Amino acid sequence: MKSKLLASLFACSVLASTAALADQPGADWMPMNDVKSKLMEQGYTSISKIEADDGQWEGEGMKKDGMKYDFHADAKTGKITKEKMDM
């Protein structure tokens, strides 16, 4: 029983550490401040959240239309790859 518990705890810690490593910007990524500037060029007026996730920048921001959007941006170029109005 103890060995099953230890194996489960070990598996959870490995998964947690892998997930944490996956959410760090890569060395070849565009810096976050540059991504924010690119997003402003693409119609955003403010960025309330931005983070590295699944190989891309993900976040939330307000566009010129006054609506809040969730977005995904390319890690290397800052170009929006997906956006959805936040309801």
C-alpha atoms as a PDB file:
ATOM      1  CA  MET A   1       0.000   0.000   0.000  1.00  0.00           C
ATOM      2  CA  LYS A   2       2.822   2.393   0.890  1.00  0.00           C
ATOM      3  CA  SER A   3       4.552   1.794  -2.427  1.00  0.00           C
ATOM      4  CA  LYS A   4       1.369   2.621  -4.366  1.00  0.00           C
ATOM      5  CA  LEU A   5       0.986   5.857  -2.433  1.00  0.00           C
ATOM      6  CA  LEU A   6       4.620   6.800  -3.028  1.00  0.00           C
ATOM      7  CA  ALA A   7       4.332   5.952  -6.727  1.00  0.00           C
ATOM      8  CA  SER A   8       1.214   8.123  -7.006  1.00  0.00           C
ATOM      9  CA  LEU A   9       2.885  11.039  -5.232  1.00  0.00           C
ATOM     10  CA  PHE A  10       5.952  10.720  -7.450  1.00  0.00           C
ATOM     11  CA  ALA A  11       3.822  10.654 -10.617  1.00  0.00           C
ATOM     12  CA  CYS A  12       1.917  13.751  -9.493  1.00  0.00           C
ATOM     13  CA  SER A  13       5.111  15.656  -8.729  1.00  0.00           C
ATOM     14  CA  VAL A  14       6.607  14.758 -12.121  1.00  0.00           C
ATOM     15  CA  LEU A  15       3.456  15.892 -13.922  1.00  0.00           C
ATOM     16  CA  ALA A  16       3.313  19.125 -11.947  1.00  0.00           C
ATOM     17  CA  SER A  17       6.959  19.965 -12.635  1.00  0.00           C
ATOM     18  CA  THR A  18       6.566  19.174 -16.339  1.00  0.00           C
ATOM     19  CA  ALA A  19       3.543  21.455 -16.591  1.00  0.00           C
ATOM     20  CA  ALA A  20       5.405  24.256 -14.845  1.00  0.00           C
ATOM     21  CA  LEU A  21       8.331  23.945 -17.248  1.00  0.00           C
ATOM     22  CA  ALA A  22       6.036  23.960 -20.271  1.00  0.00           C
ATOM     23  CA  ASP A  23       4.617  27.364 -19.321  1.00  0.00           C
ATOM     24  CA  GLN A  24       7.868  29.327 -19.522  1.00  0.00           C
ATOM     25  CA  PRO A  25       8.683  31.556 -22.510  1.00  0.00           C
ATOM     26  CA  GLY A  26      11.306  30.003 -24.764  1.00  0.00           C
ATOM     27  CA  ALA A  27      14.645  31.634 -25.502  1.00  0.00           C
ATOM     28  CA  ASP A  28      13.509  32.408 -29.059  1.00  0.00           C
ATOM     29  CA  TRP A  29      10.173  33.954 -28.004  1.00  0.00           C
ATOM     30  CA  MET A  30       9.343  37.604 -28.502  1.00  0.00           C
ATOM     31  CA  PRO A  31       9.625  39.413 -25.131  1.00  0.00           C
ATOM     32  CA  MET A  32       6.328  40.067 -23.354  1.00  0.00           C
ATOM     33  CA  ASN A  33       6.567  43.872 -23.661  1.00  0.00           C
ATOM     34  CA  ASP A  34       7.127  43.570 -27.421  1.00  0.00           C
ATOM     35  CA  VAL A  35       4.105  41.253 -27.680  1.00  0.00           C
ATOM     36  CA  LYS A  36       2.000  43.849 -25.854  1.00  0.00           C
ATOM     37  CA  SER A  37       3.112  46.475 -28.381  1.00  0.00           C
ATOM     38  CA  LYS A  38       2.207  44.156 -31.272  1.00  0.00           C
ATOM     39  CA  LEU A  39      -1.217  43.542 -29.729  1.00  0.00           C
ATOM     40  CA  MET A  40      -1.791  47.304 -29.510  1.00  0.00           C
ATOM     41  CA  GLU A  41      -0.922  47.572 -33.214  1.00  0.00           C
ATOM     42  CA  GLN A  42      -3.561  44.882 -33.864  1.00  0.00           C
ATOM     43  CA  GLY A  43      -6.406  46.805 -32.196  1.00  0.00           C
ATOM     44  CA  TYR A  44      -6.038  46.303 -28.453  1.00  0.00           C
ATOM     45  CA  THR A  45      -6.198  49.362 -26.192  1.00  0.00           C
ATOM     46  CA  SER A  46      -5.170  47.583 -22.982  1.00  0.00           C
ATOM     47  CA  ILE A  47      -3.851  44.186 -21.951  1.00  0.00           C
ATOM     48  CA  SER A  48      -5.055  42.946 -18.559  1.00  0.00           C
ATOM     49  CA  LYS A  49      -3.384  39.516 -18.599  1.00  0.00           C
ATOM     50  CA  ILE A  50      -0.683  37.818 -20.642  1.00  0.00           C
ATOM     51  CA  GLU A  51       1.205  34.590 -19.958  1.00  0.00           C
ATOM     52  CA  ALA A  52       3.108  31.812 -21.674  1.00  0.00           C
ATOM     53  CA  ASP A  53       0.943  28.732 -22.176  1.00  0.00           C
ATOM     54  CA  ASP A  54       1.180  25.726 -24.481  1.00  0.00           C
ATOM     55  CA  GLY A  55       3.860  27.223 -26.721  1.00  0.00           C
ATOM     56  CA  GLN A  56       2.152  30.576 -27.246  1.00  0.00           C
ATOM     57  CA  TRP A  57       1.225  33.795 -25.499  1.00  0.00           C
ATOM     58  CA  GLU A  58      -2.306  33.777 -24.058  1.00  0.00           C
ATOM     59  CA  GLY A  59      -4.143  36.606 -22.401  1.00  0.00           C
ATOM     60  CA  GLU A  60      -7.008  39.032 -22.097  1.00  0.00           C
ATOM     61  CA  GLY A  61      -7.420  42.585 -23.223  1.00  0.00           C
ATOM     62  CA  MET A  62      -9.758  45.364 -24.285  1.00  0.00           C
ATOM     63  CA  LYS A  63     -10.119  46.312 -27.944  1.00  0.00           C
ATOM     64  CA  LYS A  64     -11.095  49.617 -29.557  1.00  0.00           C
ATOM     65  CA  ASP A  65     -14.726  48.454 -29.663  1.00  0.00           C
ATOM     66  CA  GLY A  66     -14.770  48.539 -25.831  1.00  0.00           C
ATOM     67  CA  MET A  67     -15.198  44.776 -25.532  1.00  0.00           C
ATOM     68  CA  LYS A  68     -12.964  42.376 -23.620  1.00  0.00           C
ATOM     69  CA  TYR A  69     -11.319  39.548 -25.590  1.00  0.00           C
ATOM     70  CA  ASP A  70      -9.336  36.404 -24.837  1.00  0.00           C
ATOM     71  CA  PHE A  71      -6.460  35.948 -27.285  1.00  0.00           C
ATOM     72  CA  HIS A  72      -3.644  33.640 -28.327  1.00  0.00           C
ATOM     73  CA  ALA A  73      -0.587  35.187 -29.959  1.00  0.00           C
ATOM     74  CA  ASP A  74       2.308  33.559 -31.796  1.00  0.00           C
ATOM     75  CA  ALA A  75       5.297  33.204 -29.483  1.00  0.00           C
ATOM     76  CA  LYS A  76       7.841  34.479 -32.007  1.00  0.00           C
ATOM     77  CA  THR A  77       5.915  37.172 -33.903  1.00  0.00           C
ATOM     78  CA  GLY A  78       3.211  38.407 -31.530  1.00  0.00           C
ATOM     79  CA  LYS A  79       0.620  37.978 -34.280  1.00  0.00           C
ATOM     80  CA  ILE A  80      -2.853  37.072 -33.004  1.00  0.00           C
ATOM     81  CA  THR A  81      -3.634  33.465 -33.902  1.00  0.00           C
ATOM     82  CA  LYS A  82      -6.969  33.224 -32.112  1.00  0.00           C
ATOM     83  CA  GLU A  83      -9.280  35.591 -30.300  1.00  0.00           C
ATOM     84  CA  LYS A  84     -12.715  35.329 -28.789  1.00  0.00           C
ATOM     85  CA  MET A  85     -14.960  37.936 -27.241  1.00  0.00           C
ATOM     86  CA  ASP A  86     -15.152  37.376 -23.487  1.00  0.00           C
ATOM     87  CA  MET A  87     -18.816  37.223 -22.555  1.00  0.00           C
END
